[in-house]
Full PDB file with SEQRES, HELIX, SHEET, SSBOND, CRYST1, ORIGX, SCALE, CONECT and MASTER records, all heavy atoms in Angstrom:
SEQRES   1 A   34  LYS THR SER GLY LEU LYS MET ASN THR ASP PHE PHE VAL          
SEQRES   2 A   34  GLY TYR SER PRO GLU ARG ILE ASN PRO GLY ASP LYS GLU          
SEQRES   3 A   34  HIS THR VAL SER LYS ILE LEU LYS                              
HELIX    1 AA1 VAL A   29  LYS A   31  5                                   3    
CRYST1    1.000    1.000    1.000  90.00  90.00  90.00 P 1           1          
ORIGX1      1.000000  0.000000  0.000000        0.00000                         
ORIGX2      0.000000  1.000000  0.000000        0.00000                         
ORIGX3      0.000000  0.000000  1.000000        0.00000                         
SCALE1      1.000000  0.000000  0.000000        0.00000                         
SCALE2      0.000000  1.000000  0.000000        0.00000                         
SCALE3      0.000000  0.000000  1.000000        0.00000                         
ATOM      1  N   LYS A   1       0.798  -1.292   0.006  1.00  0.00           N  
ATOM      2  CA  LYS A   1       0.100  -0.022   0.040  1.00  0.00           C  
ATOM      3  C   LYS A   1       0.899   1.284  -0.086  1.00  0.00           C  
ATOM      4  O   LYS A   1       0.598   2.245  -0.659  1.00  0.00           O  
ATOM      5  CB  LYS A   1      -0.951   0.057   1.197  1.00  0.00           C  
ATOM      6  CG  LYS A   1      -1.767   1.219   1.283  1.00  0.00           C  
ATOM      7  CD  LYS A   1      -2.765   1.173   2.535  1.00  0.00           C  
ATOM      8  CE  LYS A   1      -3.644   2.382   2.562  1.00  0.00           C  
ATOM      9  NZ  LYS A   1      -4.453   2.452   3.846  1.00  0.00           N  
ATOM     10  N   THR A   2       1.928   1.313   0.825  1.00  0.00           N  
ATOM     11  CA  THR A   2       2.733   2.466   1.050  1.00  0.00           C  
ATOM     12  C   THR A   2       3.622   2.664  -0.143  1.00  0.00           C  
ATOM     13  O   THR A   2       3.890   3.860  -0.634  1.00  0.00           O  
ATOM     14  CB  THR A   2       3.683   2.210   2.198  1.00  0.00           C  
ATOM     15  OG1 THR A   2       2.865   1.997   3.305  1.00  0.00           O  
ATOM     16  CG2 THR A   2       4.253   3.655   2.511  1.00  0.00           C  
ATOM     17  N   SER A   3       4.134   1.529  -0.744  1.00  0.00           N  
ATOM     18  CA  SER A   3       5.016   1.821  -1.952  1.00  0.00           C  
ATOM     19  C   SER A   3       4.365   1.767  -3.285  1.00  0.00           C  
ATOM     20  O   SER A   3       4.945   2.137  -4.320  1.00  0.00           O  
ATOM     21  CB  SER A   3       6.138   0.551  -1.903  1.00  0.00           C  
ATOM     22  OG  SER A   3       5.423  -0.603  -2.181  1.00  0.00           O  
ATOM     23  N   GLY A   4       3.197   1.212  -3.409  1.00  0.00           N  
ATOM     24  CA  GLY A   4       2.450   0.988  -4.663  1.00  0.00           C  
ATOM     25  C   GLY A   4       3.166  -0.186  -5.524  1.00  0.00           C  
ATOM     26  O   GLY A   4       2.693  -0.259  -6.646  1.00  0.00           O  
ATOM     27  N   LEU A   5       3.988  -1.072  -4.866  1.00  0.00           N  
ATOM     28  CA  LEU A   5       4.585  -2.182  -5.448  1.00  0.00           C  
ATOM     29  C   LEU A   5       3.997  -3.455  -5.127  1.00  0.00           C  
ATOM     30  O   LEU A   5       3.114  -3.474  -4.073  1.00  0.00           O  
ATOM     31  CB  LEU A   5       6.123  -2.120  -5.107  1.00  0.00           C  
ATOM     32  CG  LEU A   5       6.944  -0.876  -5.407  1.00  0.00           C  
ATOM     33  CD1 LEU A   5       8.291  -0.994  -4.894  1.00  0.00           C  
ATOM     34  CD2 LEU A   5       6.954  -0.627  -6.944  1.00  0.00           C  
ATOM     35  N   LYS A   6       4.127  -4.526  -5.789  1.00  0.00           N  
ATOM     36  CA  LYS A   6       3.504  -5.776  -5.539  1.00  0.00           C  
ATOM     37  C   LYS A   6       4.580  -6.790  -5.304  1.00  0.00           C  
ATOM     38  O   LYS A   6       5.639  -7.042  -5.797  1.00  0.00           O  
ATOM     39  CB  LYS A   6       2.847  -6.329  -6.680  1.00  0.00           C  
ATOM     40  CG  LYS A   6       1.812  -7.667  -6.356  1.00  0.00           C  
ATOM     41  CD  LYS A   6       0.792  -7.738  -7.302  1.00  0.00           C  
ATOM     42  CE  LYS A   6      -0.085  -8.920  -7.083  1.00  0.00           C  
ATOM     43  NZ  LYS A   6      -0.803  -8.794  -5.828  1.00  0.00           N  
ATOM     44  N   MET A   7       4.322  -7.626  -4.003  1.00  0.00           N  
ATOM     45  CA  MET A   7       5.352  -8.656  -3.591  1.00  0.00           C  
ATOM     46  C   MET A   7       5.389  -9.766  -4.695  1.00  0.00           C  
ATOM     47  O   MET A   7       4.539 -10.209  -5.274  1.00  0.00           O  
ATOM     48  CB  MET A   7       4.785  -9.253  -2.324  1.00  0.00           C  
ATOM     49  CG  MET A   7       5.726 -10.216  -1.749  1.00  0.00           C  
ATOM     50  SD  MET A   7       5.202 -11.139  -0.327  1.00  0.00           S  
ATOM     51  CE  MET A   7       4.014 -12.290  -0.890  1.00  0.00           C  
ATOM     52  N   ASN A   8       6.603 -10.269  -4.761  1.00  0.00           N  
ATOM     53  CA  ASN A   8       7.053 -11.273  -5.702  1.00  0.00           C  
ATOM     54  C   ASN A   8       6.918 -10.771  -7.277  1.00  0.00           C  
ATOM     55  O   ASN A   8       7.311 -11.731  -8.002  1.00  0.00           O  
ATOM     56  CB  ASN A   8       6.333 -12.632  -5.404  1.00  0.00           C  
ATOM     57  CG  ASN A   8       6.623 -13.158  -4.135  1.00  0.00           C  
ATOM     58  OD1 ASN A   8       7.676 -12.811  -3.459  1.00  0.00           O  
ATOM     59  ND2 ASN A   8       5.799 -13.989  -3.578  1.00  0.00           N  
ATOM     60  N   THR A   9       6.516  -9.625  -7.392  1.00  0.00           N  
ATOM     61  CA  THR A   9       6.626  -9.077  -8.774  1.00  0.00           C  
ATOM     62  C   THR A   9       7.635  -7.864  -8.695  1.00  0.00           C  
ATOM     63  O   THR A   9       8.496  -7.918  -9.604  1.00  0.00           O  
ATOM     64  CB  THR A   9       5.276  -8.675  -9.329  1.00  0.00           C  
ATOM     65  OG1 THR A   9       4.321  -9.743  -9.230  1.00  0.00           O  
ATOM     66  CG2 THR A   9       5.378  -8.044 -10.752  1.00  0.00           C  
ATOM     67  N   ASP A  10       7.440  -6.959  -7.908  1.00  0.00           N  
ATOM     68  CA  ASP A  10       8.186  -5.778  -7.757  1.00  0.00           C  
ATOM     69  C   ASP A  10       9.250  -5.885  -6.671  1.00  0.00           C  
ATOM     70  O   ASP A  10      10.336  -5.217  -6.638  1.00  0.00           O  
ATOM     71  CB  ASP A  10       7.401  -4.530  -7.613  1.00  0.00           C  
ATOM     72  CG  ASP A  10       6.444  -4.316  -8.762  1.00  0.00           C  
ATOM     73  OD1 ASP A  10       6.903  -4.485  -9.914  1.00  0.00           O  
ATOM     74  OD2 ASP A  10       5.194  -4.167  -8.449  1.00  0.00           O  
ATOM     75  N   PHE A  11       8.956  -6.516  -5.567  1.00  0.00           N  
ATOM     76  CA  PHE A  11       9.893  -6.706  -4.374  1.00  0.00           C  
ATOM     77  C   PHE A  11       9.577  -8.051  -3.794  1.00  0.00           C  
ATOM     78  O   PHE A  11       8.713  -8.830  -4.201  1.00  0.00           O  
ATOM     79  CB  PHE A  11       9.696  -5.524  -3.527  1.00  0.00           C  
ATOM     80  CG  PHE A  11       8.373  -5.719  -2.608  1.00  0.00           C  
ATOM     81  CD1 PHE A  11       8.284  -6.259  -1.433  1.00  0.00           C  
ATOM     82  CD2 PHE A  11       7.258  -5.139  -3.062  1.00  0.00           C  
ATOM     83  CE1 PHE A  11       7.178  -6.389  -0.654  1.00  0.00           C  
ATOM     84  CE2 PHE A  11       5.953  -5.256  -2.433  1.00  0.00           C  
ATOM     85  CZ  PHE A  11       5.952  -5.800  -1.056  1.00  0.00           C  
ATOM     86  N   PHE A  12      10.512  -8.386  -2.953  1.00  0.00           N  
ATOM     87  CA  PHE A  12      10.515  -9.722  -2.091  1.00  0.00           C  
ATOM     88  C   PHE A  12      10.724  -9.598  -0.672  1.00  0.00           C  
ATOM     89  O   PHE A  12      11.231  -8.486  -0.198  1.00  0.00           O  
ATOM     90  CB  PHE A  12      11.607 -10.568  -2.831  1.00  0.00           C  
ATOM     91  CG  PHE A  12      11.490 -10.692  -4.291  1.00  0.00           C  
ATOM     92  CD1 PHE A  12      12.273  -9.765  -5.012  1.00  0.00           C  
ATOM     93  CD2 PHE A  12      10.780 -11.592  -4.940  1.00  0.00           C  
ATOM     94  CE1 PHE A  12      12.257  -9.779  -6.463  1.00  0.00           C  
ATOM     95  CE2 PHE A  12      10.735 -11.713  -6.324  1.00  0.00           C  
ATOM     96  CZ  PHE A  12      11.385 -10.838  -7.129  1.00  0.00           C  
ATOM     97  N   VAL A  13      10.178 -10.577   0.054  1.00  0.00           N  
ATOM     98  CA  VAL A  13      10.312 -10.296   1.595  1.00  0.00           C  
ATOM     99  C   VAL A  13      10.979 -11.756   2.053  1.00  0.00           C  
ATOM    100  O   VAL A  13      10.918 -12.835   1.360  1.00  0.00           O  
ATOM    101  CB  VAL A  13       8.972 -10.216   2.201  1.00  0.00           C  
ATOM    102  CG1 VAL A  13       8.486  -8.819   1.871  1.00  0.00           C  
ATOM    103  CG2 VAL A  13       8.031 -11.283   1.907  1.00  0.00           C  
ATOM    104  N   GLY A  14      11.471 -11.611   3.205  1.00  0.00           N  
ATOM    105  CA  GLY A  14      11.923 -12.834   4.115  1.00  0.00           C  
ATOM    106  C   GLY A  14      11.769 -12.664   5.534  1.00  0.00           C  
ATOM    107  O   GLY A  14      11.433 -11.529   5.923  1.00  0.00           O  
ATOM    108  N   TYR A  15      12.081 -13.753   6.177  1.00  0.00           N  
ATOM    109  CA  TYR A  15      12.013 -13.752   7.615  1.00  0.00           C  
ATOM    110  C   TYR A  15      13.220 -14.356   8.064  1.00  0.00           C  
ATOM    111  O   TYR A  15      13.570 -15.585   7.784  1.00  0.00           O  
ATOM    112  CB  TYR A  15      10.694 -14.326   8.230  1.00  0.00           C  
ATOM    113  CG  TYR A  15      10.648 -14.237   9.667  1.00  0.00           C  
ATOM    114  CD1 TYR A  15      10.304 -13.016  10.371  1.00  0.00           C  
ATOM    115  CD2 TYR A  15      10.957 -15.186  10.393  1.00  0.00           C  
ATOM    116  CE1 TYR A  15      10.230 -12.845  11.643  1.00  0.00           C  
ATOM    117  CE2 TYR A  15      10.948 -15.117  11.836  1.00  0.00           C  
ATOM    118  CZ  TYR A  15      10.560 -14.009  12.528  1.00  0.00           C  
ATOM    119  OH  TYR A  15      10.477 -13.951  13.919  1.00  0.00           O  
ATOM    120  N   SER A  16      13.957 -13.869   9.081  1.00  0.00           N  
ATOM    121  CA  SER A  16      15.055 -14.463   9.536  1.00  0.00           C  
ATOM    122  C   SER A  16      15.042 -14.234  11.119  1.00  0.00           C  
ATOM    123  O   SER A  16      15.518 -13.160  11.559  1.00  0.00           O  
ATOM    124  CB  SER A  16      16.452 -14.047   9.046  1.00  0.00           C  
ATOM    125  OG  SER A  16      17.541 -14.740   9.586  1.00  0.00           O  
ATOM    126  N   PRO A  17      14.583 -15.001  11.954  1.00  0.00           N  
ATOM    127  CA  PRO A  17      14.507 -14.743  13.501  1.00  0.00           C  
ATOM    128  C   PRO A  17      15.757 -14.510  14.042  1.00  0.00           C  
ATOM    129  O   PRO A  17      16.823 -15.200  13.904  1.00  0.00           O  
ATOM    130  CB  PRO A  17      13.898 -16.195  14.003  1.00  0.00           C  
ATOM    131  CG  PRO A  17      14.218 -17.220  13.008  1.00  0.00           C  
ATOM    132  CD  PRO A  17      14.372 -16.487  11.613  1.00  0.00           C  
ATOM    133  N   GLU A  18      15.701 -13.384  14.851  1.00  0.00           N  
ATOM    134  CA  GLU A  18      16.924 -13.100  15.814  1.00  0.00           C  
ATOM    135  C   GLU A  18      16.967 -14.139  16.803  1.00  0.00           C  
ATOM    136  O   GLU A  18      16.073 -14.502  17.453  1.00  0.00           O  
ATOM    137  CB  GLU A  18      16.695 -11.700  16.242  1.00  0.00           C  
ATOM    138  CG  GLU A  18      15.474 -11.314  17.172  1.00  0.00           C  
ATOM    139  CD  GLU A  18      15.748 -11.589  18.642  1.00  0.00           C  
ATOM    140  OE1 GLU A  18      16.906 -12.033  19.075  1.00  0.00           O  
ATOM    141  OE2 GLU A  18      14.773 -11.580  19.376  1.00  0.00           O  
ATOM    142  N   ARG A  19      18.275 -14.373  17.239  1.00  0.00           N  
ATOM    143  CA  ARG A  19      18.561 -15.343  18.341  1.00  0.00           C  
ATOM    144  C   ARG A  19      19.608 -14.817  19.271  1.00  0.00           C  
ATOM    145  O   ARG A  19      20.169 -15.512  20.115  1.00  0.00           O  
ATOM    146  CB  ARG A  19      19.136 -16.710  17.713  1.00  0.00           C  
ATOM    147  CG  ARG A  19      17.990 -17.466  17.012  1.00  0.00           C  
ATOM    148  CD  ARG A  19      18.722 -18.693  16.353  1.00  0.00           C  
ATOM    149  NE  ARG A  19      17.580 -19.732  16.040  1.00  0.00           N  
ATOM    150  CZ  ARG A  19      17.974 -20.838  15.257  1.00  0.00           C  
ATOM    151  NH1 ARG A  19      19.039 -21.010  14.858  1.00  0.00           N  
ATOM    152  NH2 ARG A  19      16.848 -21.785  15.199  1.00  0.00           N  
ATOM    153  N   ILE A  20      19.705 -13.375  19.288  1.00  0.00           N  
ATOM    154  CA  ILE A  20      20.856 -12.848  20.284  1.00  0.00           C  
ATOM    155  C   ILE A  20      20.270 -12.995  21.586  1.00  0.00           C  
ATOM    156  O   ILE A  20      19.148 -12.689  21.889  1.00  0.00           O  
ATOM    157  CB  ILE A  20      21.021 -11.371  19.772  1.00  0.00           C  
ATOM    158  CG1 ILE A  20      21.725 -11.394  18.451  1.00  0.00           C  
ATOM    159  CG2 ILE A  20      21.852 -10.683  20.789  1.00  0.00           C  
ATOM    160  CD1 ILE A  20      21.896  -9.813  17.888  1.00  0.00           C  
ATOM    161  N   ASN A  21      21.199 -13.355  22.508  1.00  0.00           N  
ATOM    162  CA  ASN A  21      20.951 -13.385  23.937  1.00  0.00           C  
ATOM    163  C   ASN A  21      21.566 -12.144  24.599  1.00  0.00           C  
ATOM    164  O   ASN A  21      22.840 -12.227  24.723  1.00  0.00           O  
ATOM    165  CB  ASN A  21      21.451 -14.677  24.549  1.00  0.00           C  
ATOM    166  CG  ASN A  21      20.964 -14.882  26.030  1.00  0.00           C  
ATOM    167  OD1 ASN A  21      20.088 -14.217  26.437  1.00  0.00           O  
ATOM    168  ND2 ASN A  21      21.514 -15.770  26.583  1.00  0.00           N  
ATOM    169  N   PRO A  22      20.924 -11.138  25.028  1.00  0.00           N  
ATOM    170  CA  PRO A  22      21.600  -9.879  25.509  1.00  0.00           C  
ATOM    171  C   PRO A  22      22.576 -10.251  26.739  1.00  0.00           C  
ATOM    172  O   PRO A  22      22.256 -11.064  27.561  1.00  0.00           O  
ATOM    173  CB  PRO A  22      20.413  -9.034  26.101  1.00  0.00           C  
ATOM    174  CG  PRO A  22      19.241  -9.543  25.269  1.00  0.00           C  
ATOM    175  CD  PRO A  22      19.362 -10.910  25.002  1.00  0.00           C  
ATOM    176  N   GLY A  23      23.778  -9.551  26.597  1.00  0.00           N  
ATOM    177  CA  GLY A  23      24.620  -9.780  27.586  1.00  0.00           C  
ATOM    178  C   GLY A  23      25.612 -11.054  27.397  1.00  0.00           C  
ATOM    179  O   GLY A  23      26.585 -11.163  28.166  1.00  0.00           O  
ATOM    180  N   ASP A  24      25.315 -11.884  26.453  1.00  0.00           N  
ATOM    181  CA  ASP A  24      25.989 -13.068  26.142  1.00  0.00           C  
ATOM    182  C   ASP A  24      27.218 -12.843  25.166  1.00  0.00           C  
ATOM    183  O   ASP A  24      27.008 -12.405  23.966  1.00  0.00           O  
ATOM    184  CB  ASP A  24      25.141 -14.228  25.523  1.00  0.00           C  
ATOM    185  CG  ASP A  24      25.845 -15.613  25.473  1.00  0.00           C  
ATOM    186  OD1 ASP A  24      27.030 -15.589  25.517  1.00  0.00           O  
ATOM    187  OD2 ASP A  24      24.990 -16.505  25.334  1.00  0.00           O  
ATOM    188  N   LYS A  25      28.416 -12.832  25.769  1.00  0.00           N  
ATOM    189  CA  LYS A  25      29.510 -12.444  24.949  1.00  0.00           C  
ATOM    190  C   LYS A  25      30.183 -13.690  24.188  1.00  0.00           C  
ATOM    191  O   LYS A  25      31.017 -13.465  23.397  1.00  0.00           O  
ATOM    192  CB  LYS A  25      30.694 -11.839  25.762  1.00  0.00           C  
ATOM    193  CG  LYS A  25      30.133 -10.501  26.466  1.00  0.00           C  
ATOM    194  CD  LYS A  25      29.670  -9.526  25.540  1.00  0.00           C  
ATOM    195  CE  LYS A  25      29.120  -8.126  26.279  1.00  0.00           C  
ATOM    196  NZ  LYS A  25      28.480  -7.291  25.179  1.00  0.00           N  
ATOM    197  N   GLU A  26      29.603 -14.859  24.504  1.00  0.00           N  
ATOM    198  CA  GLU A  26      30.117 -16.028  23.850  1.00  0.00           C  
ATOM    199  C   GLU A  26      29.351 -16.227  22.556  1.00  0.00           C  
ATOM    200  O   GLU A  26      29.804 -16.526  21.499  1.00  0.00           O  
ATOM    201  CB  GLU A  26      30.061 -17.098  24.797  1.00  0.00           C  
ATOM    202  CG  GLU A  26      30.617 -18.538  24.156  1.00  0.00           C  
ATOM    203  CD  GLU A  26      30.465 -19.706  25.156  1.00  0.00           C  
ATOM    204  OE1 GLU A  26      30.210 -19.382  26.351  1.00  0.00           O  
ATOM    205  OE2 GLU A  26      30.689 -20.861  24.695  1.00  0.00           O  
ATOM    206  N   HIS A  27      28.025 -16.229  22.725  1.00  0.00           N  
ATOM    207  CA  HIS A  27      27.135 -16.614  21.653  1.00  0.00           C  
ATOM    208  C   HIS A  27      26.555 -15.267  20.934  1.00  0.00           C  
ATOM    209  O   HIS A  27      25.522 -14.837  20.987  1.00  0.00           O  
ATOM    210  CB  HIS A  27      25.847 -17.419  21.999  1.00  0.00           C  
ATOM    211  CG  HIS A  27      26.221 -18.634  22.754  1.00  0.00           C  
ATOM    212  ND1 HIS A  27      26.266 -18.792  24.105  1.00  0.00           N  
ATOM    213  CD2 HIS A  27      26.401 -19.912  22.185  1.00  0.00           C  
ATOM    214  CE1 HIS A  27      26.611 -20.010  24.333  1.00  0.00           C  
ATOM    215  NE2 HIS A  27      26.786 -20.661  23.232  1.00  0.00           N  
ATOM    216  N   THR A  28      27.527 -14.617  20.121  1.00  0.00           N  
ATOM    217  CA  THR A  28      27.235 -13.361  19.503  1.00  0.00           C  
ATOM    218  C   THR A  28      26.623 -13.612  18.211  1.00  0.00           C  
ATOM    219  O   THR A  28      26.548 -14.800  17.749  1.00  0.00           O  
ATOM    220  CB  THR A  28      28.678 -12.600  19.462  1.00  0.00           C  
ATOM    221  OG1 THR A  28      29.545 -13.412  18.715  1.00  0.00           O  
ATOM    222  CG2 THR A  28      29.093 -12.160  20.800  1.00  0.00           C  
ATOM    223  N   VAL A  29      26.172 -12.587  17.530  1.00  0.00           N  
ATOM    224  CA  VAL A  29      25.349 -12.782  16.351  1.00  0.00           C  
ATOM    225  C   VAL A  29      25.978 -13.540  15.246  1.00  0.00           C  
ATOM    226  O   VAL A  29      25.306 -14.466  14.661  1.00  0.00           O  
ATOM    227  CB  VAL A  29      24.912 -11.395  15.878  1.00  0.00           C  
ATOM    228  CG1 VAL A  29      26.146 -10.475  15.242  1.00  0.00           C  
ATOM    229  CG2 VAL A  29      23.991 -11.556  14.594  1.00  0.00           C  
ATOM    230  N   SER A  30      27.259 -13.377  15.160  1.00  0.00           N  
ATOM    231  CA  SER A  30      27.906 -14.183  14.013  1.00  0.00           C  
ATOM    232  C   SER A  30      28.289 -15.666  14.352  1.00  0.00           C  
ATOM    233  O   SER A  30      28.450 -16.439  13.532  1.00  0.00           O  
ATOM    234  CB  SER A  30      29.285 -13.512  13.606  1.00  0.00           C  
ATOM    235  OG  SER A  30      30.186 -13.645  14.693  1.00  0.00           O  
ATOM    236  N   LYS A  31      28.058 -15.946  15.649  1.00  0.00           N  
ATOM    237  CA  LYS A  31      28.414 -17.274  16.098  1.00  0.00           C  
ATOM    238  C   LYS A  31      27.135 -18.238  16.432  1.00  0.00           C  
ATOM    239  O   LYS A  31      27.220 -19.198  16.996  1.00  0.00           O  
ATOM    240  CB  LYS A  31      29.233 -17.168  17.454  1.00  0.00           C  
ATOM    241  CG  LYS A  31      30.480 -16.538  17.321  1.00  0.00           C  
ATOM    242  CD  LYS A  31      31.296 -16.394  18.633  1.00  0.00           C  
ATOM    243  CE  LYS A  31      32.581 -15.663  18.307  1.00  0.00           C  
ATOM    244  NZ  LYS A  31      33.392 -15.418  19.607  1.00  0.00           N  
ATOM    245  N   ILE A  32      26.000 -17.637  16.041  1.00  0.00           N  
ATOM    246  CA  ILE A  32      24.680 -18.351  16.231  1.00  0.00           C  
ATOM    247  C   ILE A  32      24.071 -18.682  14.826  1.00  0.00           C  
ATOM    248  O   ILE A  32      23.961 -17.930  13.952  1.00  0.00           O  
ATOM    249  CB  ILE A  32      23.651 -17.507  17.104  1.00  0.00           C  
ATOM    250  CG1 ILE A  32      24.293 -16.920  18.288  1.00  0.00           C  
ATOM    251  CG2 ILE A  32      22.448 -18.399  17.259  1.00  0.00           C  
ATOM    252  CD1 ILE A  32      23.371 -15.837  19.003  1.00  0.00           C  
ATOM    253  N   LEU A  33      23.938 -20.050  14.550  1.00  0.00           N  
ATOM    254  CA  LEU A  33      23.410 -20.368  13.348  1.00  0.00           C  
ATOM    255  C   LEU A  33      22.020 -19.619  12.914  1.00  0.00           C  
ATOM    256  O   LEU A  33      21.214 -19.491  14.003  1.00  0.00           O  
ATOM    257  CB  LEU A  33      23.121 -21.857  13.221  1.00  0.00           C  
ATOM    258  CG  LEU A  33      22.839 -22.504  11.958  1.00  0.00           C  
ATOM    259  CD1 LEU A  33      23.570 -23.880  11.873  1.00  0.00           C  
ATOM    260  CD2 LEU A  33      21.389 -22.664  11.692  1.00  0.00           C  
ATOM    261  N   LYS A  34      21.925 -19.142  11.740  1.00  0.00           N  
ATOM    262  CA  LYS A  34      20.762 -18.251  11.463  1.00  0.00           C  
ATOM    263  C   LYS A  34      19.842 -18.991  10.495  1.00  0.00           C  
ATOM    264  O   LYS A  34      20.215 -19.600   9.524  1.00  0.00           O  
ATOM    265  CB  LYS A  34      21.406 -17.012  10.651  1.00  0.00           C  
ATOM    266  CG  LYS A  34      20.443 -15.881  10.756  1.00  0.00           C  
ATOM    267  CD  LYS A  34      20.618 -15.079  11.866  1.00  0.00           C  
ATOM    268  CE  LYS A  34      20.147 -13.652  11.809  1.00  0.00           C  
ATOM    269  NZ  LYS A  34      18.652 -13.601  11.777  1.00  0.00           N  
TER     270      LYS A  34                                                      
MASTER        0    0    0    1    0    0    0    6  269    1    0    3          
END                                                                             
C-alpha cells in the first residue's frame, strides 16, 4: 500500500528470526546459526 509495489513481482520479503541473547559475549550474532 505504501510503496505501490507488488510482492514477488516488484519486491521480495523474507524472515530470519533473531537469536541474540543480551549480555552473552560467547554466543554473539555471527556465532549463532541463522
